[in-house]
Amino acid sequence: MSAKNFLQEIDGYETLQQEIAVSRKYGVDYVARKGQVAVAVNRLHPARLTLRVNEILDETPSARTLRLVAADGDLPPFQAGQYINVFVEAGGVRTSRPYSLSSSPRQRAYYDITVRRVADGFVSEVLLDGTRVGDVLTSTSPAGTFHFNPLFHSPDMVCLAGGSGITPFMSMIREIAETGLDRRLTLLYGSRSEDDIIFADELRKISAQHENIRYVPVISEPRAGCRERTGFLTAELIRDVLGSVDGRTFYLCGPAEMYAFCLPEIEKLAIPPRWVRREMFGPPKRVADDPAWPAEVAPDHVFQAAIRGKRTIPARANEPLLVALERAGIVVPSQCRSGECSLCRVKLLSGRVFQPAGVLLRKSDRQFGYIHSCMAYPLEDLEIMI
């Protein structure tokens, strides 16, 4: 069948052809509508949001939720599981960090981001210790692909969370509970201690009230008398909780160390890769511990990165190139900071960098020498082009 004959078989083909003929004959003047599409797109997905801290909620000794409202205009919609990239000034350095939205997407009066204190954290200290009600923050619009897709994902969801990786799942759980969505969600939440469990009381309450939401905390360093499951998120524990793993979509969110442990455990369950979704969660804390890291490169070595047309800056081996650029006051657009969105890409003209597994570099980027600076670690002196 020719392409023309194939098109004629499509429902509505004749009507469309008639509309094309009418338009060609009489024409339509779109000059008066110029700019309307851009206005609509910007309202749904503006490049920047100005947010005001409306409330600060204590969650655990190490975590707080910042409730953010629009300082001007409206908050754009988002899907449960997406994140915003928050910009801050830390030690005179302009930088940013992505935070998953933990609030339900079914209301847009506010966004919740839940921040957990990170040892030697560059941004968490600013947000937890230096932020007050009434402060104004700047962020990107909601973004990310870590969300339920009814076309491809099973409504029987298994969510594996570690630490602050609970935040995108909390948004999903709140949405299901509030709207009665036809989904079944089992949350296995790994925490160091019972005191570290973020949203513990709300999770227990929701799971008690909704049969399709199951909450299973797993404590790795339990105190005496702990009544929860203990240990780690192993294949044996997952199978014991779920019984059958068939027909379920698995979602993972947590620190890099969690992925290194849990992904091999999931492989033991013989779950097809297409049924496993994982959220990128920033650069690893100790990139030199990666088995692929070249042994001859000392992680604390400082290389020189020459920026064509600009200047040369110091760049530490154990620090993403993007951070080195920010420390030098050089602004590079960024969003996910996890090697996924490609917004921070720069062209590598000479030198070598280390990029951990999971960085989603496009084929064309590899072909023409582009790298994601948020997940690129210098292995020698570099020359780059921004």
Protein backbone atom coordinates (compact mmCIF):
# COMPACT_ATOMS: atom_id res chain seq x y z
CA MET A 1 0.00 0.00 0.00
CA SER A 2 1.43 3.41 -0.95
CA ALA A 3 1.83 6.19 1.59
CA LYS A 4 -1.02 8.13 -0.07
CA ASN A 5 -3.40 5.18 0.10
CA PHE A 6 -2.43 4.55 3.71
CA LEU A 7 -3.24 8.14 4.71
CA GLN A 8 -6.65 7.89 3.07
CA GLU A 9 -7.52 5.03 5.41
CA ILE A 10 -7.09 7.25 8.48
CA ASP A 11 -10.35 8.34 10.07
CA GLY A 12 -11.01 12.01 9.33
CA TYR A 13 -8.66 12.21 6.34
CA GLU A 14 -11.31 13.58 3.97
CA THR A 15 -12.46 16.23 6.48
CA LEU A 16 -8.88 17.37 6.98
CA GLN A 17 -8.33 17.66 3.24
CA GLN A 18 -11.44 19.82 2.96
CA GLU A 19 -10.21 22.12 5.74
CA ILE A 20 -6.84 22.46 4.03
CA ALA A 21 -8.55 23.39 0.75
CA VAL A 22 -10.71 26.03 2.48
CA SER A 23 -7.69 27.50 4.28
CA ARG A 24 -5.71 27.74 1.05
CA LYS A 25 -8.61 29.49 -0.66
CA TYR A 26 -9.62 32.00 1.99
CA GLY A 27 -6.57 32.06 4.26
CA VAL A 28 -6.40 33.05 7.91
CA ASP A 29 -4.55 36.10 9.25
CA TYR A 30 -2.72 35.02 12.40
CA VAL A 31 -0.91 38.34 12.90
CA ALA A 32 -3.39 39.45 15.56
CA ARG A 33 -2.69 36.25 17.51
CA LYS A 34 1.07 36.66 17.46
CA GLY A 35 2.63 35.79 20.80
CA GLN A 36 -0.41 33.97 22.23
CA VAL A 37 1.23 30.55 22.02
CA ALA A 38 4.34 31.83 23.81
CA VAL A 39 2.18 33.34 26.57
CA ALA A 40 0.31 30.05 27.07
CA VAL A 41 3.51 27.98 27.10
CA ASN A 42 5.21 30.34 29.55
CA ARG A 43 2.24 30.16 31.89
CA LEU A 44 2.35 26.35 31.97
CA HIS A 45 6.14 26.03 31.95
CA PRO A 46 7.95 29.29 32.77
CA ALA A 47 11.74 29.29 32.73
CA ARG A 48 11.88 30.61 36.32
CA LEU A 49 9.54 30.71 39.30
CA THR A 50 9.66 33.21 42.16
CA LEU A 51 8.54 31.42 45.31
CA ARG A 52 7.94 32.67 48.84
CA VAL A 53 8.45 30.47 51.90
CA ASN A 54 5.00 30.42 53.49
CA GLU A 55 5.59 27.78 56.18
CA ILE A 56 8.40 25.61 57.53
CA LEU A 57 7.40 22.19 58.89
CA ASP A 58 9.67 20.05 61.05
CA GLU A 59 9.56 16.42 59.85
CA THR A 60 12.47 14.70 61.66
CA PRO A 61 15.54 15.96 63.56
CA SER A 62 17.34 16.18 60.20
CA ALA A 63 14.56 17.12 57.75
CA ARG A 64 12.15 19.99 57.19
CA THR A 65 9.49 20.76 54.62
CA LEU A 66 9.48 24.20 53.01
CA ARG A 67 5.98 25.13 51.86
CA LEU A 68 6.35 27.49 48.91
CA VAL A 69 3.71 29.74 47.37
CA ALA A 70 3.89 31.87 44.24
CA ALA A 71 5.37 35.30 44.94
CA ASP A 72 3.79 36.46 41.68
CA GLY A 73 1.49 34.78 39.20
CA ASP A 74 0.38 31.13 39.46
CA LEU A 75 2.13 27.86 40.20
CA PRO A 76 2.30 25.71 37.05
CA PRO A 77 0.92 22.15 37.17
CA PHE A 78 3.17 19.14 37.72
CA GLN A 79 3.00 15.36 37.84
CA ALA A 80 3.60 13.44 41.05
CA GLY A 81 7.28 12.51 41.06
CA GLN A 82 8.63 15.63 39.35
CA TYR A 83 11.09 18.12 40.86
CA ILE A 84 12.06 21.78 40.85
CA ASN A 85 15.64 23.05 40.79
CA VAL A 86 16.13 25.62 43.58
CA PHE A 87 18.80 28.34 43.24
CA VAL A 88 20.68 29.64 46.29
CA GLU A 89 23.72 31.68 47.25
CA ALA A 90 26.11 29.57 49.34
CA GLY A 91 29.41 31.03 50.49
CA GLY A 92 29.31 33.61 47.73
CA VAL A 93 28.69 30.92 45.12
CA ARG A 94 25.52 30.85 43.02
CA THR A 95 24.42 27.23 42.74
CA SER A 96 21.29 25.07 42.70
CA ARG A 97 19.90 21.71 43.75
CA PRO A 98 16.89 19.73 42.48
CA TYR A 99 14.24 18.79 45.05
CA SER A 100 11.31 16.49 44.34
CA LEU A 101 7.91 17.97 45.13
CA SER A 102 6.37 16.07 48.04
CA SER A 103 2.97 17.80 47.87
CA SER A 104 0.04 16.45 45.88
CA PRO A 105 -0.24 17.69 42.28
CA ARG A 106 -4.03 17.89 42.66
CA GLN A 107 -3.71 21.25 44.40
CA ARG A 108 -1.62 24.19 43.23
CA ALA A 109 -1.92 26.56 46.18
CA TYR A 110 1.63 25.62 47.19
CA TYR A 111 4.62 23.40 46.45
CA ASP A 112 6.25 21.36 49.23
CA ILE A 113 9.93 20.47 49.07
CA THR A 114 11.36 18.35 51.87
CA VAL A 115 15.03 18.99 52.60
CA ARG A 116 17.21 16.63 54.59
CA ARG A 117 20.50 17.70 56.13
CA VAL A 118 23.46 16.28 54.24
CA ALA A 119 26.88 15.89 55.84
CA ASP A 120 29.12 18.57 54.31
CA GLY A 121 26.09 19.67 52.31
CA PHE A 122 26.57 22.81 50.27
CA VAL A 123 22.90 23.75 49.85
CA SER A 124 20.97 21.82 52.52
CA GLU A 125 22.68 23.90 55.23
CA VAL A 126 21.51 27.11 53.57
CA LEU A 127 17.91 25.95 53.19
CA LEU A 128 17.65 24.40 56.67
CA ASP A 129 19.57 26.95 58.72
CA GLY A 130 19.35 30.17 56.72
CA THR A 131 15.79 30.13 55.39
CA ARG A 132 12.93 31.89 57.19
CA VAL A 133 9.21 32.29 56.56
CA GLY A 134 8.79 35.13 54.08
CA ASP A 135 12.08 34.53 52.27
CA VAL A 136 11.94 34.46 48.48
CA LEU A 137 13.55 31.68 46.43
CA THR A 138 14.00 31.20 42.70
CA SER A 139 13.53 27.85 40.97
CA THR A 140 12.88 26.24 37.63
CA SER A 141 9.48 24.93 36.64
CA PRO A 142 8.61 21.34 37.56
CA ALA A 143 10.45 18.82 35.38
CA GLY A 144 11.50 15.19 35.23
CA THR A 145 10.27 11.87 33.88
CA PHE A 146 10.02 9.96 37.18
CA HIS A 147 6.25 9.70 37.28
CA PHE A 148 3.48 7.23 36.53
CA ASN A 149 2.63 6.87 32.84
CA PRO A 150 -0.70 5.06 32.27
CA LEU A 151 0.33 4.06 28.75
CA PHE A 152 3.43 2.13 29.78
CA HIS A 153 3.39 1.49 33.54
CA SER A 154 1.43 -1.06 35.52
CA PRO A 155 -1.10 0.39 37.99
CA ASP A 156 0.42 -2.06 40.49
CA MET A 157 3.33 0.04 41.77
CA VAL A 158 6.23 -0.99 44.01
CA CYS A 159 8.19 1.97 45.38
CA LEU A 160 11.61 1.47 46.97
CA ALA A 161 12.71 4.57 48.88
CA GLY A 162 15.82 5.40 50.84
CA GLY A 163 16.14 8.41 53.15
CA SER A 164 14.90 11.61 51.50
CA GLY A 165 14.09 9.53 48.40
CA ILE A 166 10.62 9.27 49.94
CA THR A 167 9.66 12.72 48.60
CA PRO A 168 8.46 11.87 45.06
CA PHE A 169 6.62 8.84 46.43
CA MET A 170 4.88 11.01 49.02
CA SER A 171 3.49 13.12 46.20
CA MET A 172 2.27 9.96 44.43
CA ILE A 173 0.73 8.56 47.62
CA ARG A 174 -1.06 11.79 48.46
CA GLU A 175 -2.47 12.00 44.94
CA ILE A 176 -3.79 8.43 45.05
CA ALA A 177 -5.28 8.91 48.52
CA GLU A 178 -6.93 12.24 47.71
CA THR A 179 -8.46 11.29 44.38
CA GLY A 180 -9.14 7.55 44.66
CA LEU A 181 -7.02 6.67 41.65
CA ASP A 182 -7.22 3.06 40.49
CA ARG A 183 -3.65 2.21 41.45
CA ARG A 184 -2.13 -0.13 44.02
CA LEU A 185 1.04 1.13 45.65
CA THR A 186 3.40 -0.71 47.98
CA LEU A 187 6.08 1.44 49.61
CA LEU A 188 9.20 -0.18 51.05
CA TYR A 189 10.97 2.63 52.85
CA GLY A 190 14.53 2.03 54.04
CA SER A 191 15.74 4.23 56.92
CA ARG A 192 18.66 4.06 59.30
CA SER A 193 16.46 4.39 62.41
CA GLU A 194 12.82 4.89 63.25
CA ASP A 195 13.53 8.54 64.07
CA ASP A 196 14.80 9.06 60.52
CA ILE A 197 11.50 8.11 58.84
CA ILE A 198 10.12 11.20 57.10
CA PHE A 199 6.29 11.46 57.03
CA ALA A 200 6.03 8.40 59.32
CA ASP A 201 2.72 9.35 60.99
CA GLU A 202 1.04 10.39 57.74
CA LEU A 203 2.19 7.23 55.96
CA ARG A 204 0.75 5.04 58.72
CA LYS A 205 -2.53 6.96 58.66
CA ILE A 206 -2.93 6.82 54.88
CA SER A 207 -2.08 3.12 54.66
CA ALA A 208 -4.58 2.36 57.44
CA GLN A 209 -7.34 4.22 55.61
CA HIS A 210 -6.64 3.02 52.04
CA GLU A 211 -6.46 -0.67 51.17
CA ASN A 212 -4.63 0.05 47.90
CA ILE A 213 -1.71 1.78 49.69
CA ARG A 214 0.69 -0.35 51.72
CA TYR A 215 3.52 1.11 53.80
CA VAL A 216 6.42 -1.10 54.91
CA PRO A 217 9.28 0.63 56.79
CA VAL A 218 12.63 -1.20 56.84
CA ILE A 219 15.15 -0.18 59.53
CA SER A 220 18.86 -0.86 58.99
CA GLU A 221 20.06 0.08 62.52
CA PRO A 222 17.12 -0.85 64.78
CA ARG A 223 16.96 -0.14 68.48
CA ALA A 224 15.99 -2.83 70.94
CA GLY A 225 12.29 -3.59 70.67
CA CYS A 226 11.91 -2.30 67.10
CA ARG A 227 8.66 -3.68 65.65
CA GLU A 228 9.38 -2.88 62.02
CA ARG A 229 11.15 -5.00 59.45
CA THR A 230 14.89 -4.72 59.80
CA GLY A 231 17.88 -5.00 57.51
CA PHE A 232 18.11 -3.80 53.91
CA LEU A 233 15.93 -3.87 50.78
CA THR A 234 17.10 -7.28 49.61
CA ALA A 235 15.51 -9.51 46.99
CA GLU A 236 14.46 -11.88 49.75
CA LEU A 237 12.72 -9.12 51.73
CA ILE A 238 11.01 -7.71 48.63
CA ARG A 239 9.67 -11.12 47.64
CA ASP A 240 8.56 -11.82 51.21
CA VAL A 241 6.56 -8.57 51.28
CA LEU A 242 5.08 -8.82 47.79
CA GLY A 243 4.73 -12.52 47.20
CA SER A 244 4.60 -12.41 43.42
CA VAL A 245 6.51 -9.66 41.60
CA ASP A 246 4.82 -10.32 38.26
CA GLY A 247 2.99 -7.49 36.53
CA ARG A 248 4.36 -4.75 38.79
CA THR A 249 6.29 -1.59 37.95
CA PHE A 250 9.21 -0.88 40.30
CA TYR A 251 10.30 2.67 41.16
CA LEU A 252 13.54 3.47 43.01
CA CYS A 253 14.55 6.75 44.60
CA GLY A 254 17.34 7.35 47.09
CA PRO A 255 21.06 8.04 47.36
CA ALA A 256 23.54 6.58 44.88
CA GLU A 257 24.56 3.94 47.42
CA MET A 258 21.00 2.64 47.46
CA TYR A 259 21.01 2.08 43.70
CA ALA A 260 24.33 0.26 43.88
CA PHE A 261 22.77 -2.14 46.39
CA CYS A 262 19.15 -2.42 45.21
CA LEU A 263 19.55 -2.75 41.45
CA PRO A 264 21.45 -6.08 41.73
CA GLU A 265 18.82 -7.27 44.20
CA ILE A 266 16.07 -6.46 41.71
CA GLU A 267 17.97 -8.36 39.03
CA LYS A 268 17.79 -11.43 41.29
CA LEU A 269 14.00 -11.18 41.06
CA ALA A 270 14.21 -11.47 37.24
CA ILE A 271 12.19 -8.29 36.74
CA PRO A 272 12.43 -7.04 33.12
CA PRO A 273 14.39 -3.76 32.92
CA ARG A 274 11.44 -2.04 31.24
CA TRP A 275 9.48 -2.49 34.49
CA VAL A 276 12.14 -0.73 36.59
CA ARG A 277 12.13 3.06 36.88
CA ARG A 278 14.72 4.97 38.88
CA GLU A 279 15.06 8.61 39.75
CA MET A 280 18.43 10.23 39.25
CA PHE A 281 19.52 11.52 42.65
CA GLY A 282 22.53 13.74 42.12
CA PRO A 283 26.25 12.98 41.98
CA PRO A 284 27.74 10.26 44.20
CA LYS A 285 29.28 11.36 47.50
CA ARG A 286 32.54 9.54 46.83
CA VAL A 287 32.93 9.16 43.10
CA ALA A 288 36.39 7.59 43.49
CA ASP A 289 34.74 4.56 45.16
CA ASP A 290 33.14 3.73 41.81
CA PRO A 291 34.72 0.48 40.51
CA ALA A 292 35.29 2.16 37.14
CA TRP A 293 37.25 5.08 38.60
CA PRO A 294 40.86 5.01 37.25
CA ALA A 295 43.20 4.00 40.09
CA GLU A 296 45.99 6.27 38.87
CA VAL A 297 43.94 9.45 39.50
CA ALA A 298 43.97 10.74 43.08
CA PRO A 299 40.48 12.00 43.97
CA ASP A 300 41.84 15.12 45.68
CA HIS A 301 44.04 16.15 42.74
CA VAL A 302 43.34 19.60 41.31
CA PHE A 303 43.46 19.95 37.54
CA GLN A 304 43.15 23.03 35.35
CA ALA A 305 40.11 23.58 33.14
CA ALA A 306 40.67 26.10 30.35
CA ILE A 307 37.45 27.69 29.08
CA ARG A 308 37.90 28.77 25.48
CA GLY A 309 37.48 32.50 25.12
CA LYS A 310 37.38 33.04 28.89
CA ARG A 311 39.93 31.87 31.46
CA THR A 312 41.37 28.87 33.25
CA ILE A 313 39.92 27.65 36.54
CA PRO A 314 40.89 24.95 39.08
CA ALA A 315 38.82 21.75 38.92
CA ARG A 316 39.06 18.99 41.53
CA ALA A 317 38.95 15.39 40.39
CA ASN A 318 36.33 14.40 42.98
CA GLU A 319 34.00 17.31 42.19
CA PRO A 320 31.65 17.69 39.20
CA LEU A 321 32.90 20.16 36.61
CA LEU A 322 29.67 22.14 37.04
CA VAL A 323 30.53 22.84 40.69
CA ALA A 324 34.03 24.00 39.72
CA LEU A 325 32.46 26.41 37.22
CA GLU A 326 30.03 27.72 39.83
CA ARG A 327 32.82 28.23 42.37
CA ALA A 328 34.59 30.35 39.75
CA GLY A 329 31.46 32.46 39.27
CA ILE A 330 30.70 31.07 35.82
CA VAL A 331 26.99 30.49 35.31
CA VAL A 332 25.99 27.40 33.34
CA PRO A 333 22.29 26.54 32.93
CA SER A 334 21.37 23.47 34.98
CA GLN A 335 18.30 21.63 36.14
CA CYS A 336 18.49 17.96 37.18
CA ARG A 337 22.17 17.94 38.27
CA SER A 338 22.02 14.17 37.76
CA GLY A 339 23.26 13.73 34.19
CA GLU A 340 19.79 13.40 32.70
CA CYS A 341 18.35 16.64 31.32
CA SER A 342 21.47 17.78 29.34
CA LEU A 343 20.84 21.47 30.12
CA CYS A 344 24.34 21.88 31.61
CA ARG A 345 26.21 20.29 28.73
CA VAL A 346 29.52 21.78 27.59
CA LYS A 347 31.84 20.76 24.77
CA LEU A 348 35.00 18.89 25.77
CA LEU A 349 37.75 20.06 23.42
CA SER A 350 40.62 18.19 25.05
CA GLY A 351 41.30 16.09 28.12
CA ARG A 352 39.43 13.25 29.79
CA VAL A 353 36.53 13.17 32.26
CA PHE A 354 34.90 10.39 34.27
CA GLN A 355 31.14 10.02 33.95
CA PRO A 356 29.42 7.51 36.27
CA ALA A 357 27.10 4.86 34.90
CA GLY A 358 23.56 6.10 34.35
CA VAL A 359 24.44 9.44 32.76
CA LEU A 360 21.99 9.80 29.88
CA LEU A 361 24.28 11.24 27.23
CA ARG A 362 22.69 11.54 23.80
CA LYS A 363 24.29 9.73 20.89
CA SER A 364 24.80 13.06 19.12
CA ASP A 365 26.51 14.49 22.20
CA ARG A 366 28.95 11.60 22.27
CA GLN A 367 29.58 12.02 18.55
CA PHE A 368 30.37 15.74 18.80
CA GLY A 369 32.17 15.71 22.15
CA TYR A 370 29.61 17.16 24.56
CA ILE A 371 29.50 16.19 28.24
CA HIS A 372 27.05 16.81 31.08
CA SER A 373 29.10 19.01 33.38
CA CYS A 374 26.99 18.12 36.43
CA MET A 375 28.24 14.51 36.27
CA ALA A 376 31.65 14.93 34.63
CA TYR A 377 34.76 14.60 36.81
CA PRO A 378 38.16 15.81 35.51
CA LEU A 379 40.82 13.12 35.08
CA GLU A 380 43.43 15.51 33.64
CA ASP A 381 43.74 19.10 32.50
CA LEU A 382 40.82 20.08 30.28
CA GLU A 383 39.82 22.53 27.62
CA ILE A 384 36.09 23.13 27.28
CA MET A 385 33.74 25.40 25.40
CA ILE A 386 30.56 26.76 27.00
